[in-house]
């Protein structure tokens, strides 16, 4: 099962991916506000999973830039998630792992090797 410590560590890594050298705009900060207003962690996980699925569709169509954009949105939702229940922590860890690996695969396809790590 996912511990709270592992989830917090993963969230910090996700925030690092998002903010280090990012091109966030005002609309992105509005998105953070929207996510923070969601009270149910399952809603946040649902939105995140939907973006991951959209990224997977883009990846299958060889639209790796589009896939990265959707995976990044998924990370935004995951980085804002408040995890109180064990079930939510476990779902978070599974989804976050999948999204980060999918981002790495997209970066490899784009030959952006320095960004994969």
N, C-alpha and C. Protein backbone atom coordinates (compact mmCIF):
# COMPACT_ATOMS: atom_id res chain seq x y z
N UNK A 1 0.83 -1.18 0.00
CA UNK A 1 0.00 0.00 0.00
C UNK A 1 0.88 1.25 0.00
N UNK A 2 0.35 2.35 -0.48
CA UNK A 2 1.12 3.58 -0.57
C UNK A 2 1.13 4.33 0.74
N UNK A 3 2.29 4.65 1.22
CA UNK A 3 2.37 5.42 2.45
C UNK A 3 2.22 6.90 2.13
N UNK A 4 1.82 7.65 3.14
CA UNK A 4 1.67 9.09 2.97
C UNK A 4 3.01 9.73 2.65
N UNK A 5 4.10 9.22 3.26
CA UNK A 5 5.44 9.75 3.00
C UNK A 5 5.82 9.57 1.53
N UNK A 6 5.55 8.39 0.97
CA UNK A 6 5.84 8.14 -0.44
C UNK A 6 5.03 9.06 -1.35
N UNK A 7 3.76 9.27 -1.01
CA UNK A 7 2.91 10.14 -1.83
C UNK A 7 3.41 11.57 -1.80
N UNK A 8 3.77 12.06 -0.62
CA UNK A 8 4.27 13.43 -0.52
C UNK A 8 5.57 13.60 -1.29
N UNK A 9 6.44 12.60 -1.22
CA UNK A 9 7.69 12.64 -1.96
C UNK A 9 7.41 12.70 -3.47
N UNK A 10 6.49 11.86 -3.92
CA UNK A 10 6.14 11.82 -5.34
C UNK A 10 5.51 13.14 -5.77
N UNK A 11 4.68 13.73 -4.92
CA UNK A 11 4.07 15.01 -5.27
C UNK A 11 5.13 16.09 -5.43
N UNK A 12 6.14 16.10 -4.58
CA UNK A 12 7.21 17.08 -4.71
C UNK A 12 7.96 16.88 -6.03
N UNK A 13 8.19 15.63 -6.42
CA UNK A 13 8.82 15.35 -7.70
C UNK A 13 7.97 15.86 -8.86
N UNK A 14 6.66 15.66 -8.77
CA UNK A 14 5.76 16.14 -9.82
C UNK A 14 5.80 17.66 -9.91
N UNK A 15 5.80 18.32 -8.76
CA UNK A 15 5.87 19.79 -8.78
C UNK A 15 7.18 20.24 -9.41
N UNK A 16 8.26 19.53 -9.13
CA UNK A 16 9.54 19.86 -9.74
C UNK A 16 9.48 19.74 -11.25
N UNK A 17 8.84 18.67 -11.74
CA UNK A 17 8.68 18.50 -13.18
C UNK A 17 7.91 19.66 -13.79
N UNK A 18 6.91 20.14 -13.07
CA UNK A 18 6.04 21.18 -13.60
C UNK A 18 6.69 22.55 -13.57
N UNK A 19 7.40 22.86 -12.50
CA UNK A 19 7.85 24.23 -12.30
C UNK A 19 9.28 24.48 -12.73
N UNK A 20 10.13 23.50 -12.80
CA UNK A 20 11.52 23.70 -13.21
C UNK A 20 11.56 23.99 -14.71
N UNK A 21 11.82 25.24 -15.04
CA UNK A 21 11.93 25.62 -16.43
C UNK A 21 10.61 25.57 -17.19
N UNK A 22 9.52 25.63 -16.47
CA UNK A 22 8.21 25.52 -17.13
C UNK A 22 7.81 26.85 -17.76
N UNK A 23 6.78 26.77 -18.55
CA UNK A 23 6.24 27.96 -19.20
C UNK A 23 4.81 28.17 -18.71
N UNK A 24 4.62 28.17 -17.40
CA UNK A 24 3.29 28.33 -16.86
C UNK A 24 2.77 29.74 -17.13
N UNK A 25 1.49 29.82 -17.43
CA UNK A 25 0.84 31.09 -17.70
C UNK A 25 -0.23 31.32 -16.65
N UNK A 26 -0.87 32.49 -16.70
CA UNK A 26 -1.92 32.80 -15.72
C UNK A 26 -3.04 31.76 -15.74
N UNK A 27 -3.41 31.28 -16.91
CA UNK A 27 -4.47 30.29 -16.99
C UNK A 27 -4.07 29.01 -16.26
N UNK A 28 -2.78 28.71 -16.22
CA UNK A 28 -2.32 27.53 -15.50
C UNK A 28 -2.53 27.71 -14.00
N UNK A 29 -2.29 28.91 -13.50
CA UNK A 29 -2.50 29.17 -12.08
C UNK A 29 -4.00 29.13 -11.75
N UNK A 30 -4.85 29.53 -12.71
CA UNK A 30 -6.29 29.39 -12.52
C UNK A 30 -6.66 27.92 -12.37
N UNK A 31 -5.98 27.07 -13.12
CA UNK A 31 -6.23 25.64 -13.02
C UNK A 31 -5.88 25.13 -11.63
N UNK A 32 -4.76 25.61 -11.07
CA UNK A 32 -4.39 25.21 -9.71
C UNK A 32 -5.48 25.61 -8.72
N UNK A 33 -6.04 26.79 -8.92
CA UNK A 33 -7.13 27.25 -8.05
C UNK A 33 -8.34 26.35 -8.15
N UNK A 34 -8.68 25.95 -9.38
CA UNK A 34 -9.82 25.05 -9.59
C UNK A 34 -9.58 23.71 -8.88
N UNK A 35 -8.39 23.18 -9.06
CA UNK A 35 -8.07 21.88 -8.46
C UNK A 35 -8.14 21.98 -6.94
N UNK A 36 -7.62 23.05 -6.40
CA UNK A 36 -7.62 23.22 -4.95
C UNK A 36 -9.04 23.32 -4.40
N UNK A 37 -9.98 23.75 -5.24
CA UNK A 37 -11.36 23.89 -4.78
C UNK A 37 -12.09 22.55 -4.76
N UNK A 38 -11.55 21.54 -5.41
CA UNK A 38 -12.19 20.22 -5.40
C UNK A 38 -12.00 19.59 -4.03
N UNK A 39 -13.09 19.16 -3.44
CA UNK A 39 -13.02 18.62 -2.09
C UNK A 39 -12.81 17.12 -2.06
N UNK A 40 -13.19 16.44 -3.11
CA UNK A 40 -13.14 14.99 -3.12
C UNK A 40 -11.90 14.52 -3.87
N UNK A 41 -10.98 13.83 -3.19
CA UNK A 41 -9.77 13.34 -3.88
C UNK A 41 -10.09 12.46 -5.09
N UNK A 42 -11.21 11.76 -5.06
CA UNK A 42 -11.55 10.90 -6.19
C UNK A 42 -11.85 11.73 -7.43
N UNK A 43 -12.37 12.95 -7.26
CA UNK A 43 -12.59 13.83 -8.40
C UNK A 43 -11.26 14.24 -9.03
N UNK A 44 -10.29 14.55 -8.18
CA UNK A 44 -8.96 14.94 -8.67
C UNK A 44 -8.34 13.77 -9.42
N UNK A 45 -8.44 12.57 -8.85
CA UNK A 45 -7.90 11.38 -9.52
C UNK A 45 -8.60 11.12 -10.84
N UNK A 46 -9.92 11.36 -10.87
CA UNK A 46 -10.69 11.15 -12.11
C UNK A 46 -10.22 12.10 -13.21
N UNK A 47 -10.08 13.38 -12.88
CA UNK A 47 -9.59 14.34 -13.87
C UNK A 47 -8.19 13.96 -14.35
N UNK A 48 -7.34 13.60 -13.42
CA UNK A 48 -5.98 13.23 -13.76
C UNK A 48 -5.95 12.01 -14.69
N UNK A 49 -6.75 11.02 -14.37
CA UNK A 49 -6.81 9.81 -15.20
C UNK A 49 -7.34 10.14 -16.59
N UNK A 50 -8.33 11.03 -16.68
CA UNK A 50 -8.87 11.42 -17.99
C UNK A 50 -7.79 12.07 -18.84
N UNK A 51 -6.97 12.96 -18.25
CA UNK A 51 -5.89 13.58 -19.01
C UNK A 51 -4.85 12.54 -19.41
N UNK A 52 -4.56 11.59 -18.53
CA UNK A 52 -3.61 10.53 -18.87
C UNK A 52 -4.13 9.73 -20.07
N UNK A 53 -5.42 9.40 -20.04
CA UNK A 53 -6.02 8.64 -21.15
C UNK A 53 -5.98 9.42 -22.46
N UNK A 54 -6.23 10.73 -22.38
CA UNK A 54 -6.13 11.58 -23.58
C UNK A 54 -4.69 11.60 -24.09
N UNK A 55 -3.74 11.65 -23.16
CA UNK A 55 -2.33 11.60 -23.54
C UNK A 55 -1.99 10.28 -24.23
N UNK A 56 -2.54 9.19 -23.72
CA UNK A 56 -2.31 7.89 -24.34
C UNK A 56 -2.84 7.86 -25.77
N UNK A 57 -4.00 8.48 -25.98
CA UNK A 57 -4.56 8.54 -27.34
C UNK A 57 -3.65 9.34 -28.26
N UNK A 58 -3.16 10.47 -27.78
CA UNK A 58 -2.24 11.28 -28.58
C UNK A 58 -0.97 10.51 -28.88
N UNK A 59 -0.45 9.80 -27.90
CA UNK A 59 0.77 9.01 -28.08
C UNK A 59 0.56 7.96 -29.18
N UNK A 60 -0.58 7.28 -29.14
CA UNK A 60 -0.88 6.25 -30.15
C UNK A 60 -0.96 6.83 -31.56
N UNK A 61 -1.32 8.13 -31.63
CA UNK A 61 -1.41 8.81 -32.93
C UNK A 61 -0.09 9.48 -33.29
N UNK A 62 0.96 9.17 -32.55
CA UNK A 62 2.30 9.74 -32.75
C UNK A 62 2.35 11.24 -32.54
N UNK A 63 1.40 11.78 -31.80
CA UNK A 63 1.41 13.19 -31.42
C UNK A 63 2.05 13.29 -30.04
N UNK A 64 3.38 13.23 -30.01
CA UNK A 64 4.10 13.14 -28.74
C UNK A 64 4.06 14.46 -27.98
N UNK A 65 4.03 15.58 -28.69
CA UNK A 65 3.90 16.87 -28.02
C UNK A 65 2.53 17.00 -27.35
N UNK A 66 1.50 16.58 -28.05
CA UNK A 66 0.15 16.58 -27.48
C UNK A 66 0.04 15.65 -26.29
N UNK A 67 0.71 14.50 -26.40
CA UNK A 67 0.71 13.54 -25.29
C UNK A 67 1.37 14.16 -24.07
N UNK A 68 2.52 14.81 -24.27
CA UNK A 68 3.21 15.46 -23.15
C UNK A 68 2.35 16.53 -22.49
N UNK A 69 1.62 17.27 -23.30
CA UNK A 69 0.75 18.31 -22.75
C UNK A 69 -0.32 17.69 -21.84
N UNK A 70 -0.93 16.62 -22.29
CA UNK A 70 -1.98 15.95 -21.49
C UNK A 70 -1.39 15.31 -20.25
N UNK A 71 -0.23 14.67 -20.39
CA UNK A 71 0.40 14.07 -19.22
C UNK A 71 0.79 15.14 -18.21
N UNK A 72 1.21 16.30 -18.70
CA UNK A 72 1.56 17.40 -17.80
C UNK A 72 0.34 17.88 -17.03
N UNK A 73 -0.79 17.97 -17.71
CA UNK A 73 -2.03 18.35 -17.02
C UNK A 73 -2.40 17.32 -15.96
N UNK A 74 -2.20 16.06 -16.28
CA UNK A 74 -2.44 15.01 -15.30
C UNK A 74 -1.56 15.22 -14.07
N UNK A 75 -0.31 15.57 -14.31
CA UNK A 75 0.63 15.83 -13.20
C UNK A 75 0.19 17.03 -12.37
N UNK A 76 -0.35 18.05 -13.03
CA UNK A 76 -0.83 19.22 -12.30
C UNK A 76 -1.90 18.79 -11.30
N UNK A 77 -2.84 18.00 -11.75
CA UNK A 77 -3.90 17.53 -10.85
C UNK A 77 -3.32 16.69 -9.72
N UNK A 78 -2.42 15.80 -10.04
CA UNK A 78 -1.84 14.93 -9.02
C UNK A 78 -1.01 15.72 -8.01
N UNK A 79 -0.34 16.76 -8.45
CA UNK A 79 0.51 17.53 -7.54
C UNK A 79 -0.31 18.35 -6.54
N UNK A 80 -1.57 18.56 -6.83
CA UNK A 80 -2.43 19.36 -5.95
C UNK A 80 -3.31 18.49 -5.06
N UNK A 81 -3.19 17.22 -5.15
CA UNK A 81 -4.10 16.30 -4.46
C UNK A 81 -3.79 16.20 -2.97
N UNK A 82 -4.82 16.28 -2.16
CA UNK A 82 -4.70 16.05 -0.72
C UNK A 82 -5.12 14.61 -0.45
N UNK A 83 -4.20 13.83 0.03
CA UNK A 83 -4.44 12.39 0.21
C UNK A 83 -4.69 12.07 1.67
N UNK A 84 -5.92 11.72 1.97
CA UNK A 84 -6.27 11.41 3.34
C UNK A 84 -6.55 9.93 3.54
N UNK A 85 -7.05 9.28 2.52
CA UNK A 85 -7.44 7.87 2.63
C UNK A 85 -6.39 6.97 2.01
N UNK A 86 -6.23 5.79 2.58
CA UNK A 86 -5.27 4.81 2.05
C UNK A 86 -5.58 4.46 0.60
N UNK A 87 -6.86 4.29 0.30
CA UNK A 87 -7.26 3.94 -1.08
C UNK A 87 -6.83 5.03 -2.05
N UNK A 88 -6.99 6.29 -1.67
CA UNK A 88 -6.60 7.39 -2.54
C UNK A 88 -5.08 7.42 -2.72
N UNK A 89 -4.33 7.14 -1.66
CA UNK A 89 -2.86 7.13 -1.78
C UNK A 89 -2.41 6.03 -2.74
N UNK A 90 -3.01 4.88 -2.64
CA UNK A 90 -2.65 3.77 -3.52
C UNK A 90 -2.97 4.10 -4.98
N UNK A 91 -4.15 4.66 -5.22
CA UNK A 91 -4.54 5.06 -6.58
C UNK A 91 -3.62 6.15 -7.11
N UNK A 92 -3.26 7.09 -6.22
CA UNK A 92 -2.36 8.17 -6.60
C UNK A 92 -1.02 7.60 -7.08
N UNK A 93 -0.43 6.71 -6.29
CA UNK A 93 0.88 6.17 -6.63
C UNK A 93 0.85 5.41 -7.95
N UNK A 94 -0.20 4.65 -8.18
CA UNK A 94 -0.32 3.90 -9.44
C UNK A 94 -0.45 4.85 -10.62
N UNK A 95 -1.31 5.84 -10.49
CA UNK A 95 -1.54 6.79 -11.58
C UNK A 95 -0.31 7.66 -11.82
N UNK A 96 0.29 8.17 -10.75
CA UNK A 96 1.47 9.03 -10.90
C UNK A 96 2.62 8.28 -11.56
N UNK A 97 2.83 7.03 -11.16
CA UNK A 97 3.90 6.23 -11.78
C UNK A 97 3.66 6.06 -13.27
N UNK A 98 2.44 5.76 -13.63
CA UNK A 98 2.08 5.56 -15.02
C UNK A 98 2.29 6.84 -15.84
N UNK A 99 1.84 7.96 -15.30
CA UNK A 99 1.96 9.24 -16.02
C UNK A 99 3.43 9.60 -16.23
N UNK A 100 4.24 9.45 -15.19
CA UNK A 100 5.66 9.81 -15.32
C UNK A 100 6.37 8.91 -16.34
N UNK A 101 6.05 7.63 -16.33
CA UNK A 101 6.65 6.72 -17.32
C UNK A 101 6.18 7.07 -18.73
N UNK A 102 4.91 7.43 -18.87
CA UNK A 102 4.39 7.82 -20.19
C UNK A 102 5.05 9.11 -20.68
N UNK A 103 5.30 10.04 -19.75
CA UNK A 103 6.00 11.27 -20.13
C UNK A 103 7.40 10.93 -20.63
N UNK A 104 8.07 10.03 -19.94
CA UNK A 104 9.42 9.64 -20.36
C UNK A 104 9.39 9.00 -21.75
N UNK A 105 8.41 8.15 -22.00
CA UNK A 105 8.30 7.52 -23.31
C UNK A 105 8.07 8.56 -24.40
N UNK A 106 7.25 9.55 -24.13
CA UNK A 106 6.99 10.62 -25.10
C UNK A 106 8.26 11.42 -25.37
N UNK A 107 9.00 11.73 -24.31
CA UNK A 107 10.25 12.47 -24.49
C UNK A 107 11.26 11.67 -25.29
N UNK A 108 11.31 10.36 -25.06
CA UNK A 108 12.21 9.51 -25.86
C UNK A 108 11.82 9.55 -27.33
N UNK A 109 10.52 9.48 -27.61
CA UNK A 109 10.05 9.52 -29.00
C UNK A 109 10.39 10.86 -29.65
N UNK A 110 10.39 11.92 -28.85
CA UNK A 110 10.74 13.25 -29.38
C UNK A 110 12.25 13.46 -29.41
N UNK A 111 13.00 12.46 -28.95
CA UNK A 111 14.46 12.52 -28.90
C UNK A 111 14.97 13.63 -27.98
N UNK A 112 14.20 13.90 -26.92
CA UNK A 112 14.60 14.87 -25.91
C UNK A 112 15.21 14.09 -24.74
N UNK A 113 16.34 13.47 -25.02
CA UNK A 113 16.94 12.54 -24.09
C UNK A 113 17.35 13.19 -22.77
N UNK A 114 17.80 14.43 -22.81
CA UNK A 114 18.25 15.10 -21.57
C UNK A 114 17.10 15.33 -20.59
N UNK A 115 15.88 15.36 -21.08
CA UNK A 115 14.72 15.62 -20.22
C UNK A 115 14.09 14.34 -19.66
N UNK A 116 14.52 13.21 -20.15
CA UNK A 116 13.89 11.94 -19.73
C UNK A 116 14.13 11.66 -18.26
N UNK A 117 15.33 11.90 -17.76
CA UNK A 117 15.66 11.58 -16.37
C UNK A 117 14.90 12.41 -15.40
